[in-house]
């Protein structure tokens, strides 16, 4: 399963920190940012189902606004 999020992250250093924290706190998640996209895309892949609300709340506590983009 892959979810794509629009974010407010535009700094590569912050993006790298967030990816590292996602990997540390969510087993089995693979995350990456596409900051070249105007919506500062975060892609998160997981082999199993994941809790989108939990991830959004986690990111929010770190200062990242994220919203799921429709398929």
PDB file of N, CA and C in Angstrom:
ATOM      1  N   UNK A   1       0.843  -1.173   0.000  1.00  0.00           N
ATOM      2  CA  UNK A   1       0.000   0.000   0.000  1.00  0.00           C
ATOM      3  C   UNK A   1       0.892   1.240   0.000  1.00  0.00           C
ATOM      4  N   UNK A   2       0.547   2.205  -0.832  1.00  0.00           N
ATOM      5  CA  UNK A   2       1.267   3.471  -0.896  1.00  0.00           C
ATOM      6  C   UNK A   2       0.270   4.599  -0.662  1.00  0.00           C
ATOM      7  N   UNK A   3       0.618   5.498   0.244  1.00  0.00           N
ATOM      8  CA  UNK A   3      -0.178   6.706   0.455  1.00  0.00           C
ATOM      9  C   UNK A   3       0.673   7.903   0.073  1.00  0.00           C
ATOM     10  N   UNK A   4       0.027   8.895  -0.513  1.00  0.00           N
ATOM     11  CA  UNK A   4       0.713  10.108  -0.951  1.00  0.00           C
ATOM     12  C   UNK A   4       0.091  11.287  -0.213  1.00  0.00           C
ATOM     13  N   UNK A   5       0.960  12.118   0.360  1.00  0.00           N
ATOM     14  CA  UNK A   5       0.524  13.249   1.163  1.00  0.00           C
ATOM     15  C   UNK A   5       1.061  14.559   0.599  1.00  0.00           C
ATOM     16  N   UNK A   6       0.235  15.587   0.653  1.00  0.00           N
ATOM     17  CA  UNK A   6       0.662  16.959   0.398  1.00  0.00           C
ATOM     18  C   UNK A   6       1.156  17.494   1.738  1.00  0.00           C
ATOM     19  N   UNK A   7       2.343  18.153   1.748  1.00  0.00           N
ATOM     20  CA  UNK A   7       2.892  18.652   3.012  1.00  0.00           C
ATOM     21  C   UNK A   7       3.324  20.111   2.896  1.00  0.00           C
ATOM     22  N   UNK A   8       3.687  20.668   4.043  1.00  0.00           N
ATOM     23  CA  UNK A   8       4.233  22.022   4.093  1.00  0.00           C
ATOM     24  C   UNK A   8       5.759  22.017   4.218  1.00  0.00           C
ATOM     25  N   UNK A   9       6.388  20.874   4.031  1.00  0.00           N
ATOM     26  CA  UNK A   9       7.841  20.755   4.174  1.00  0.00           C
ATOM     27  C   UNK A   9       8.507  21.146   2.860  1.00  0.00           C
ATOM     28  N   UNK A  10       9.390  22.136   2.916  1.00  0.00           N
ATOM     29  CA  UNK A  10      10.082  22.572   1.701  1.00  0.00           C
ATOM     30  C   UNK A  10      11.597  22.566   1.876  1.00  0.00           C
ATOM     31  N   UNK A  11      12.073  22.139   3.027  1.00  0.00           N
ATOM     32  CA  UNK A  11      13.495  22.118   3.340  1.00  0.00           C
ATOM     33  C   UNK A  11      14.002  20.674   3.331  1.00  0.00           C
ATOM     34  N   UNK A  12      15.051  20.399   2.576  1.00  0.00           N
ATOM     35  CA  UNK A  12      15.568  19.034   2.443  1.00  0.00           C
ATOM     36  C   UNK A  12      16.057  18.467   3.772  1.00  0.00           C
ATOM     37  N   UNK A  13      16.674  19.303   4.608  1.00  0.00           N
ATOM     38  CA  UNK A  13      17.171  18.821   5.904  1.00  0.00           C
ATOM     39  C   UNK A  13      16.006  18.338   6.763  1.00  0.00           C
ATOM     40  N   UNK A  14      14.935  19.138   6.825  1.00  0.00           N
ATOM     41  CA  UNK A  14      13.763  18.738   7.605  1.00  0.00           C
ATOM     42  C   UNK A  14      13.119  17.492   7.013  1.00  0.00           C
ATOM     43  N   UNK A  15      13.066  17.406   5.704  1.00  0.00           N
ATOM     44  CA  UNK A  15      12.507  16.220   5.050  1.00  0.00           C
ATOM     45  C   UNK A  15      13.302  14.976   5.432  1.00  0.00           C
ATOM     46  N   UNK A  16      14.625  15.080   5.428  1.00  0.00           N
ATOM     47  CA  UNK A  16      15.472  13.942   5.801  1.00  0.00           C
ATOM     48  C   UNK A  16      15.246  13.532   7.251  1.00  0.00           C
ATOM     49  N   UNK A  17      15.094  14.512   8.133  1.00  0.00           N
ATOM     50  CA  UNK A  17      14.832  14.220   9.550  1.00  0.00           C
ATOM     51  C   UNK A  17      13.499  13.499   9.696  1.00  0.00           C
ATOM     52  N   UNK A  18      12.468  13.991   9.021  1.00  0.00           N
ATOM     53  CA  UNK A  18      11.147  13.362   9.117  1.00  0.00           C
ATOM     54  C   UNK A  18      11.156  11.937   8.578  1.00  0.00           C
ATOM     55  N   UNK A  19      11.833  11.715   7.461  1.00  0.00           N
ATOM     56  CA  UNK A  19      11.922  10.357   6.905  1.00  0.00           C
ATOM     57  C   UNK A  19      12.599   9.437   7.908  1.00  0.00           C
ATOM     58  N   UNK A  20      13.674   9.896   8.511  1.00  0.00           N
ATOM     59  CA  UNK A  20      14.383   9.094   9.510  1.00  0.00           C
ATOM     60  C   UNK A  20      13.476   8.773  10.699  1.00  0.00           C
ATOM     61  N   UNK A  21      12.731   9.757  11.174  1.00  0.00           N
ATOM     62  CA  UNK A  21      11.833   9.538  12.308  1.00  0.00           C
ATOM     63  C   UNK A  21      10.685   8.598  11.953  1.00  0.00           C
ATOM     64  N   UNK A  22      10.169   8.700  10.739  1.00  0.00           N
ATOM     65  CA  UNK A  22       9.124   7.762  10.301  1.00  0.00           C
ATOM     66  C   UNK A  22       9.679   6.342  10.311  1.00  0.00           C
ATOM     67  N   UNK A  23      10.870   6.157   9.764  1.00  0.00           N
ATOM     68  CA  UNK A  23      11.474   4.826   9.715  1.00  0.00           C
ATOM     69  C   UNK A  23      11.735   4.278  11.115  1.00  0.00           C
ATOM     70  N   UNK A  24      12.095   5.143  12.059  1.00  0.00           N
ATOM     71  CA  UNK A  24      12.371   4.708  13.429  1.00  0.00           C
ATOM     72  C   UNK A  24      11.105   4.351  14.195  1.00  0.00           C
ATOM     73  N   UNK A  25      10.013   5.043  13.905  1.00  0.00           N
ATOM     74  CA  UNK A  25       8.802   4.898  14.708  1.00  0.00           C
ATOM     75  C   UNK A  25       7.705   4.046  14.088  1.00  0.00           C
ATOM     76  N   UNK A  26       7.825   3.730  12.816  1.00  0.00           N
ATOM     77  CA  UNK A  26       6.803   2.946  12.128  1.00  0.00           C
ATOM     78  C   UNK A  26       7.474   1.786  11.400  1.00  0.00           C
ATOM     79  N   UNK A  27       7.463   0.624  12.032  1.00  0.00           N
ATOM     80  CA  UNK A  27       8.095  -0.560  11.446  1.00  0.00           C
ATOM     81  C   UNK A  27       7.490  -0.887  10.085  1.00  0.00           C
ATOM     82  N   UNK A  28       8.353  -1.151   9.125  1.00  0.00           N
ATOM     83  CA  UNK A  28       7.909  -1.576   7.812  1.00  0.00           C
ATOM     84  C   UNK A  28       7.521  -0.452   6.870  1.00  0.00           C
ATOM     85  N   UNK A  29       7.617   0.791   7.312  1.00  0.00           N
ATOM     86  CA  UNK A  29       7.285   1.919   6.440  1.00  0.00           C
ATOM     87  C   UNK A  29       8.523   2.346   5.665  1.00  0.00           C
ATOM     88  N   UNK A  30       8.330   2.684   4.413  1.00  0.00           N
ATOM     89  CA  UNK A  30       9.369   3.290   3.582  1.00  0.00           C
ATOM     90  C   UNK A  30       8.821   4.642   3.153  1.00  0.00           C
ATOM     91  N   UNK A  31       9.564   5.704   3.446  1.00  0.00           N
ATOM     92  CA  UNK A  31       9.077   7.051   3.163  1.00  0.00           C
ATOM     93  C   UNK A  31      10.106   7.840   2.375  1.00  0.00           C
ATOM     94  N   UNK A  32       9.594   8.760   1.554  1.00  0.00           N
ATOM     95  CA  UNK A  32      10.476   9.699   0.859  1.00  0.00           C
ATOM     96  C   UNK A  32       9.687  10.940   0.478  1.00  0.00           C
ATOM     97  N   UNK A  33      10.415  12.040   0.337  1.00  0.00           N
ATOM     98  CA  UNK A  33       9.823  13.313  -0.063  1.00  0.00           C
ATOM     99  C   UNK A  33      10.192  13.627  -1.498  1.00  0.00           C
ATOM    100  N   UNK A  34       9.288  14.297  -2.183  1.00  0.00           N
ATOM    101  CA  UNK A  34       9.561  14.882  -3.496  1.00  0.00           C
ATOM    102  C   UNK A  34       9.341  16.381  -3.343  1.00  0.00           C
ATOM    103  N   UNK A  35      10.419  17.092  -3.014  1.00  0.00           N
ATOM    104  CA  UNK A  35      10.314  18.525  -2.775  1.00  0.00           C
ATOM    105  C   UNK A  35      10.337  19.332  -4.064  1.00  0.00           C
ATOM    106  N   UNK A  36      10.577  18.664  -5.194  1.00  0.00           N
ATOM    107  CA  UNK A  36      10.516  19.349  -6.483  1.00  0.00           C
ATOM    108  C   UNK A  36       9.073  19.561  -6.926  1.00  0.00           C
ATOM    109  N   UNK A  37       8.164  18.772  -6.374  1.00  0.00           N
ATOM    110  CA  UNK A  37       6.744  18.925  -6.659  1.00  0.00           C
ATOM    111  C   UNK A  37       6.226  20.129  -5.875  1.00  0.00           C
ATOM    112  N   UNK A  38       5.341  20.901  -6.464  1.00  0.00           N
ATOM    113  CA  UNK A  38       4.845  22.111  -5.800  1.00  0.00           C
ATOM    114  C   UNK A  38       4.074  21.819  -4.518  1.00  0.00           C
ATOM    115  N   UNK A  39       3.619  20.583  -4.347  1.00  0.00           N
ATOM    116  CA  UNK A  39       2.875  20.224  -3.141  1.00  0.00           C
ATOM    117  C   UNK A  39       3.749  19.518  -2.104  1.00  0.00           C
ATOM    118  N   UNK A  40       5.074  19.515  -2.332  1.00  0.00           N
ATOM    119  CA  UNK A  40       6.023  18.929  -1.371  1.00  0.00           C
ATOM    120  C   UNK A  40       5.553  17.551  -0.906  1.00  0.00           C
ATOM    121  N   UNK A  41       5.520  16.643  -1.833  1.00  0.00           N
ATOM    122  CA  UNK A  41       4.921  15.324  -1.667  1.00  0.00           C
ATOM    123  C   UNK A  41       5.726  14.428  -0.730  1.00  0.00           C
ATOM    124  N   UNK A  42       5.002  13.763   0.156  1.00  0.00           N
ATOM    125  CA  UNK A  42       5.549  12.689   0.983  1.00  0.00           C
ATOM    126  C   UNK A  42       4.875  11.407   0.530  1.00  0.00           C
ATOM    127  N   UNK A  43       5.683  10.416   0.150  1.00  0.00           N
ATOM    128  CA  UNK A  43       5.156   9.093  -0.206  1.00  0.00           C
ATOM    129  C   UNK A  43       5.550   8.119   0.894  1.00  0.00           C
ATOM    130  N   UNK A  44       4.580   7.339   1.327  1.00  0.00           N
ATOM    131  CA  UNK A  44       4.832   6.339   2.358  1.00  0.00           C
ATOM    132  C   UNK A  44       4.318   5.005   1.849  1.00  0.00           C
ATOM    133  N   UNK A  45       5.194   4.017   1.889  1.00  0.00           N
ATOM    134  CA  UNK A  45       4.849   2.675   1.426  1.00  0.00           C
ATOM    135  C   UNK A  45       4.927   1.716   2.604  1.00  0.00           C
ATOM    136  N   UNK A  46       3.981   0.795   2.656  1.00  0.00           N
ATOM    137  CA  UNK A  46       3.971  -0.242   3.676  1.00  0.00           C
ATOM    138  C   UNK A  46       3.430  -1.521   3.051  1.00  0.00           C
ATOM    139  N   UNK A  47       4.017  -2.636   3.416  1.00  0.00           N
ATOM    140  CA  UNK A  47       3.537  -3.928   2.917  1.00  0.00           C
ATOM    141  C   UNK A  47       2.205  -4.310   3.552  1.00  0.00           C
ATOM    142  N   UNK A  48       1.906  -3.712   4.696  1.00  0.00           N
ATOM    143  CA  UNK A  48       0.643  -4.002   5.374  1.00  0.00           C
ATOM    144  C   UNK A  48      -0.167  -2.710   5.496  1.00  0.00           C
ATOM    145  N   UNK A  49      -1.381  -2.847   5.993  1.00  0.00           N
ATOM    146  CA  UNK A  49      -2.224  -1.673   6.220  1.00  0.00           C
ATOM    147  C   UNK A  49      -1.555  -0.769   7.247  1.00  0.00           C
ATOM    148  N   UNK A  50      -1.767   0.526   7.099  1.00  0.00           N
ATOM    149  CA  UNK A  50      -1.295   1.407   8.149  1.00  0.00           C
ATOM    150  C   UNK A  50      -2.366   2.415   8.530  1.00  0.00           C
ATOM    151  N   UNK A  51      -2.159   3.008   9.688  1.00  0.00           N
ATOM    152  CA  UNK A  51      -3.113   3.951  10.241  1.00  0.00           C
ATOM    153  C   UNK A  51      -2.734   5.355   9.776  1.00  0.00           C
ATOM    154  N   UNK A  52      -3.467   5.866   8.815  1.00  0.00           N
ATOM    155  CA  UNK A  52      -3.166   7.176   8.242  1.00  0.00           C
ATOM    156  C   UNK A  52      -3.290   8.269   9.299  1.00  0.00           C
ATOM    157  N   UNK A  53      -4.324   8.197  10.123  1.00  0.00           N
ATOM    158  CA  UNK A  53      -4.516   9.224  11.153  1.00  0.00           C
ATOM    159  C   UNK A  53      -3.360   9.247  12.143  1.00  0.00           C
ATOM    160  N   UNK A  54      -2.848   8.083  12.503  1.00  0.00           N
ATOM    161  CA  UNK A  54      -1.711   8.011  13.421  1.00  0.00           C
ATOM    162  C   UNK A  54      -0.487   8.678  12.808  1.00  0.00           C
ATOM    163  N   UNK A  55      -0.239   8.420  11.540  1.00  0.00           N
ATOM    164  CA  UNK A  55       0.906   9.022  10.856  1.00  0.00           C
ATOM    165  C   UNK A  55       0.735  10.537  10.743  1.00  0.00           C
ATOM    166  N   UNK A  56      -0.449  11.000  10.369  1.00  0.00           N
ATOM    167  CA  UNK A  56      -0.693  12.441  10.251  1.00  0.00           C
ATOM    168  C   UNK A  56      -0.522  13.128  11.604  1.00  0.00           C
ATOM    169  N   UNK A  57      -1.023  12.518  12.673  1.00  0.00           N
ATOM    170  CA  UNK A  57      -0.861  13.091  14.016  1.00  0.00           C
ATOM    171  C   UNK A  57       0.603  13.125  14.426  1.00  0.00           C
ATOM    172  N   UNK A  58       1.348  12.071  14.117  1.00  0.00           N
ATOM    173  CA  UNK A  58       2.779  12.016  14.404  1.00  0.00           C
ATOM    174  C   UNK A  58       3.496  13.163  13.694  1.00  0.00           C
ATOM    175  N   UNK A  59       3.215  13.335  12.410  1.00  0.00           N
ATOM    176  CA  UNK A  59       3.845  14.402  11.635  1.00  0.00           C
ATOM    177  C   UNK A  59       3.446  15.777  12.158  1.00  0.00           C
ATOM    178  N   UNK A  60       2.198  15.926  12.548  1.00  0.00           N
ATOM    179  CA  UNK A  60       1.707  17.202  13.065  1.00  0.00           C
ATOM    180  C   UNK A  60       2.468  17.618  14.317  1.00  0.00           C
ATOM    181  N   UNK A  61       2.742  16.674  15.196  1.00  0.00           N
ATOM    182  CA  UNK A  61       3.496  16.967  16.421  1.00  0.00           C
ATOM    183  C   UNK A  61       4.912  17.435  16.108  1.00  0.00           C
ATOM    184  N   UNK A  62       5.397  17.102  14.919  1.00  0.00           N
ATOM    185  CA  UNK A  62       6.738  17.506  14.499  1.00  0.00           C
ATOM    186  C   UNK A  62       6.708  18.768  13.632  1.00  0.00           C
ATOM    187  N   UNK A  63       5.537  19.386  13.506  1.00  0.00           N
ATOM    188  CA  UNK A  63       5.415  20.628  12.753  1.00  0.00           C
ATOM    189  C   UNK A  63       5.129  20.459  11.278  1.00  0.00           C
ATOM    190  N   UNK A  64       4.763  19.256  10.887  1.00  0.00           N
ATOM    191  CA  UNK A  64       4.487  18.986   9.476  1.00  0.00           C
ATOM    192  C   UNK A  64       2.983  18.861   9.265  1.00  0.00           C
ATOM    193  N   UNK A  65       2.435  19.705   8.417  1.00  0.00           N
ATOM    194  CA  UNK A  65       1.043  19.567   8.008  1.00  0.00           C
ATOM    195  C   UNK A  65       1.007  18.614   6.821  1.00  0.00           C
ATOM    196  N   UNK A  66       0.210  17.575   6.935  1.00  0.00           N
ATOM    197  CA  UNK A  66       0.121  16.583   5.860  1.00  0.00           C
ATOM    198  C   UNK A  66      -1.340  16.232   5.625  1.00  0.00           C
ATOM    199  N   UNK A  67      -1.703  16.152   4.352  1.00  0.00           N
ATOM    200  CA  UNK A  67      -3.049  15.700   4.007  1.00  0.00           C
ATOM    201  C   UNK A  67      -2.945  14.697   2.868  1.00  0.00           C
ATOM    202  N   UNK A  68      -3.774  13.682   2.950  1.00  0.00           N
ATOM    203  CA  UNK A  68      -3.771  12.620   1.949  1.00  0.00           C
ATOM    204  C   UNK A  68      -4.271  13.179   0.624  1.00  0.00           C
ATOM    205  N   UNK A  69      -3.541  12.873  -0.432  1.00  0.00           N
ATOM    206  CA  UNK A  69      -3.998  13.226  -1.773  1.00  0.00           C
ATOM    207  C   UNK A  69      -4.864  12.090  -2.301  1.00  0.00           C
ATOM    208  N   UNK A  70      -5.977  12.420  -2.944  1.00  0.00           N
ATOM    209  CA  UNK A  70      -6.840  11.356  -3.477  1.00  0.00           C
ATOM    210  C   UNK A  70      -6.127  10.573  -4.574  1.00  0.00           C
ATOM    211  N   UNK A  71      -6.532   9.307  -4.706  1.00  0.00           N
ATOM    212  CA  UNK A  71      -5.937   8.436  -5.735  1.00  0.00           C
ATOM    213  C   UNK A  71      -6.172   8.966  -7.119  1.00  0.00           C
TER     214      UNK A  71
END
